[in-house]
């Protein structure tokens, strides 16, 4: 089975200033949970991860007040484009989500 390349798709709702970043599709047996990853990323902005807790897969991110988030990450990562920064954030969240073992709930590992 070949390894899939990570691709993220950003959708911005301009009325609510909320961004949705889709990373992968949920499996039919997915148990989807939404958890805050702001502290893990060292950000003040509210960033939530949608994860498949059953299979240990990051499905995407939800970023509230995207315009504020964008300013914050541009100050923090001056040399990068926003798209590259989001890819780095997604990679960090993906690396911190351990697979679920026998229904045992695990916390995100600090990376």
C-alpha atoms as a PDB file:
ATOM      1  CA  UNK A   1       0.000   0.000   0.000  1.00  0.00           C
ATOM      2  CA  UNK A   2       1.550   3.332  -1.040  1.00  0.00           C
ATOM      3  CA  UNK A   3       1.940   6.241   1.315  1.00  0.00           C
ATOM      4  CA  UNK A   4      -0.344   9.203   0.611  1.00  0.00           C
ATOM      5  CA  UNK A   5       1.141  12.656   0.305  1.00  0.00           C
ATOM      6  CA  UNK A   6      -0.397  15.129   2.734  1.00  0.00           C
ATOM      7  CA  UNK A   7      -2.468  17.761   1.003  1.00  0.00           C
ATOM      8  CA  UNK A   8      -4.483  20.324   2.878  1.00  0.00           C
ATOM      9  CA  UNK A   9      -7.429  22.271   1.563  1.00  0.00           C
ATOM     10  CA  UNK A  10      -8.265  25.580   3.272  1.00  0.00           C
ATOM     11  CA  UNK A  11     -11.825  26.928   3.170  1.00  0.00           C
ATOM     12  CA  UNK A  12     -12.512  30.315   4.740  1.00  0.00           C
ATOM     13  CA  UNK A  13     -15.993  31.407   5.813  1.00  0.00           C
ATOM     14  CA  UNK A  14     -15.664  35.181   5.518  1.00  0.00           C
ATOM     15  CA  UNK A  15     -18.923  35.817   7.420  1.00  0.00           C
ATOM     16  CA  UNK A  16     -17.709  34.072  10.578  1.00  0.00           C
ATOM     17  CA  UNK A  17     -13.926  34.442   9.996  1.00  0.00           C
ATOM     18  CA  UNK A  18     -13.499  30.702  10.596  1.00  0.00           C
ATOM     19  CA  UNK A  19     -11.117  28.615   8.481  1.00  0.00           C
ATOM     20  CA  UNK A  20     -11.555  24.902   7.881  1.00  0.00           C
ATOM     21  CA  UNK A  21      -8.499  22.936   6.783  1.00  0.00           C
ATOM     22  CA  UNK A  22      -9.280  19.473   5.471  1.00  0.00           C
ATOM     23  CA  UNK A  23      -6.363  17.040   5.556  1.00  0.00           C
ATOM     24  CA  UNK A  24      -7.931  13.640   4.986  1.00  0.00           C
ATOM     25  CA  UNK A  25     -11.307  11.975   4.724  1.00  0.00           C
ATOM     26  CA  UNK A  26     -12.856  10.115   7.624  1.00  0.00           C
ATOM     27  CA  UNK A  27     -13.013   6.335   7.451  1.00  0.00           C
ATOM     28  CA  UNK A  28     -16.471   4.738   7.599  1.00  0.00           C
ATOM     29  CA  UNK A  29     -15.772   3.526  11.162  1.00  0.00           C
ATOM     30  CA  UNK A  30     -14.347   6.884  12.317  1.00  0.00           C
ATOM     31  CA  UNK A  31     -15.038   8.202  15.794  1.00  0.00           C
ATOM     32  CA  UNK A  32     -14.499  11.919  15.273  1.00  0.00           C
ATOM     33  CA  UNK A  33     -13.394  14.108  18.167  1.00  0.00           C
ATOM     34  CA  UNK A  34     -12.560  17.806  18.212  1.00  0.00           C
ATOM     35  CA  UNK A  35      -9.763  18.892  20.539  1.00  0.00           C
ATOM     36  CA  UNK A  36      -7.943  22.164  21.139  1.00  0.00           C
ATOM     37  CA  UNK A  37      -4.335  22.212  19.939  1.00  0.00           C
ATOM     38  CA  UNK A  38      -3.590  25.899  20.535  1.00  0.00           C
ATOM     39  CA  UNK A  39      -1.345  25.203  23.540  1.00  0.00           C
ATOM     40  CA  UNK A  40       0.471  22.414  21.698  1.00  0.00           C
ATOM     41  CA  UNK A  41       1.269  24.878  18.914  1.00  0.00           C
ATOM     42  CA  UNK A  42       2.159  27.738  21.266  1.00  0.00           C
ATOM     43  CA  UNK A  43      -0.539  29.978  19.788  1.00  0.00           C
ATOM     44  CA  UNK A  44      -3.022  32.344  21.412  1.00  0.00           C
ATOM     45  CA  UNK A  45      -5.468  31.856  18.561  1.00  0.00           C
ATOM     46  CA  UNK A  46      -8.104  29.151  18.927  1.00  0.00           C
ATOM     47  CA  UNK A  47      -7.056  26.153  16.807  1.00  0.00           C
ATOM     48  CA  UNK A  48      -9.045  22.925  17.004  1.00  0.00           C
ATOM     49  CA  UNK A  49      -8.093  19.590  15.485  1.00  0.00           C
ATOM     50  CA  UNK A  50     -10.647  17.153  14.100  1.00  0.00           C
ATOM     51  CA  UNK A  51      -9.253  13.679  14.686  1.00  0.00           C
ATOM     52  CA  UNK A  52     -10.422  10.152  14.064  1.00  0.00           C
ATOM     53  CA  UNK A  53      -9.852   8.857  17.590  1.00  0.00           C
ATOM     54  CA  UNK A  54     -10.503   5.265  16.543  1.00  0.00           C
ATOM     55  CA  UNK A  55      -7.753   5.196  13.918  1.00  0.00           C
ATOM     56  CA  UNK A  56      -5.425   7.977  15.195  1.00  0.00           C
ATOM     57  CA  UNK A  57      -5.775  10.130  12.074  1.00  0.00           C
ATOM     58  CA  UNK A  58      -5.888  13.932  11.838  1.00  0.00           C
ATOM     59  CA  UNK A  59      -8.815  14.863   9.610  1.00  0.00           C
ATOM     60  CA  UNK A  60      -8.378  18.614   9.694  1.00  0.00           C
ATOM     61  CA  UNK A  61      -8.201  21.848  11.649  1.00  0.00           C
ATOM     62  CA  UNK A  62     -10.706  24.537  12.556  1.00  0.00           C
ATOM     63  CA  UNK A  63      -9.272  28.010  13.139  1.00  0.00           C
ATOM     64  CA  UNK A  64     -11.481  30.604  14.784  1.00  0.00           C
ATOM     65  CA  UNK A  65     -10.850  34.291  14.045  1.00  0.00           C
ATOM     66  CA  UNK A  66      -8.674  33.401  11.075  1.00  0.00           C
ATOM     67  CA  UNK A  67      -7.597  37.004  10.420  1.00  0.00           C
ATOM     68  CA  UNK A  68      -6.181  37.238  13.972  1.00  0.00           C
ATOM     69  CA  UNK A  69      -4.551  33.803  13.590  1.00  0.00           C
ATOM     70  CA  UNK A  70      -2.981  34.869  10.301  1.00  0.00           C
ATOM     71  CA  UNK A  71      -1.451  37.999  11.873  1.00  0.00           C
ATOM     72  CA  UNK A  72      -0.171  35.949  14.819  1.00  0.00           C
ATOM     73  CA  UNK A  73       1.562  33.327  12.687  1.00  0.00           C
ATOM     74  CA  UNK A  74       2.986  35.927  10.302  1.00  0.00           C
ATOM     75  CA  UNK A  75       4.660  37.607  13.304  1.00  0.00           C
ATOM     76  CA  UNK A  76       5.837  34.279  14.698  1.00  0.00           C
ATOM     77  CA  UNK A  77       7.078  32.788  11.410  1.00  0.00           C
ATOM     78  CA  UNK A  78       8.137  35.907   9.518  1.00  0.00           C
ATOM     79  CA  UNK A  79       9.953  34.158   6.667  1.00  0.00           C
ATOM     80  CA  UNK A  80       7.167  31.742   5.628  1.00  0.00           C
ATOM     81  CA  UNK A  81       4.019  32.040   3.553  1.00  0.00           C
ATOM     82  CA  UNK A  82       0.737  31.355   5.356  1.00  0.00           C
ATOM     83  CA  UNK A  83       0.163  28.131   3.372  1.00  0.00           C
ATOM     84  CA  UNK A  84       3.574  26.763   4.383  1.00  0.00           C
ATOM     85  CA  UNK A  85       2.949  27.683   8.014  1.00  0.00           C
ATOM     86  CA  UNK A  86      -0.405  25.877   7.982  1.00  0.00           C
ATOM     87  CA  UNK A  87       1.301  22.796   6.501  1.00  0.00           C
ATOM     88  CA  UNK A  88       3.838  22.928   9.372  1.00  0.00           C
ATOM     89  CA  UNK A  89       1.030  23.202  11.919  1.00  0.00           C
ATOM     90  CA  UNK A  90      -0.854  20.272  10.368  1.00  0.00           C
ATOM     91  CA  UNK A  91       2.352  18.187  10.390  1.00  0.00           C
ATOM     92  CA  UNK A  92       2.953  18.957  14.073  1.00  0.00           C
ATOM     93  CA  UNK A  93      -0.602  18.009  15.026  1.00  0.00           C
ATOM     94  CA  UNK A  94      -0.391  14.809  12.952  1.00  0.00           C
ATOM     95  CA  UNK A  95       2.863  13.843  14.681  1.00  0.00           C
ATOM     96  CA  UNK A  96       1.301  14.318  18.104  1.00  0.00           C
ATOM     97  CA  UNK A  97      -1.789  12.125  17.580  1.00  0.00           C
ATOM     98  CA  UNK A  98      -0.991   8.582  18.704  1.00  0.00           C
ATOM     99  CA  UNK A  99      -3.083   5.680  17.444  1.00  0.00           C
ATOM    100  CA  UNK A 100      -5.832   4.587  19.787  1.00  0.00           C
ATOM    101  CA  UNK A 101      -5.221   1.213  21.353  1.00  0.00           C
ATOM    102  CA  UNK A 102      -8.133  -1.022  22.481  1.00  0.00           C
ATOM    103  CA  UNK A 103     -10.441   1.896  23.224  1.00  0.00           C
ATOM    104  CA  UNK A 104      -7.887   3.567  25.487  1.00  0.00           C
ATOM    105  CA  UNK A 105      -7.991   7.332  25.210  1.00  0.00           C
ATOM    106  CA  UNK A 106      -4.607   9.019  24.865  1.00  0.00           C
ATOM    107  CA  UNK A 107      -3.554  12.625  25.147  1.00  0.00           C
ATOM    108  CA  UNK A 108      -1.642  14.501  22.497  1.00  0.00           C
ATOM    109  CA  UNK A 109       2.086  14.190  22.898  1.00  0.00           C
ATOM    110  CA  UNK A 110       4.046  17.416  23.093  1.00  0.00           C
ATOM    111  CA  UNK A 111       6.262  17.563  20.015  1.00  0.00           C
END
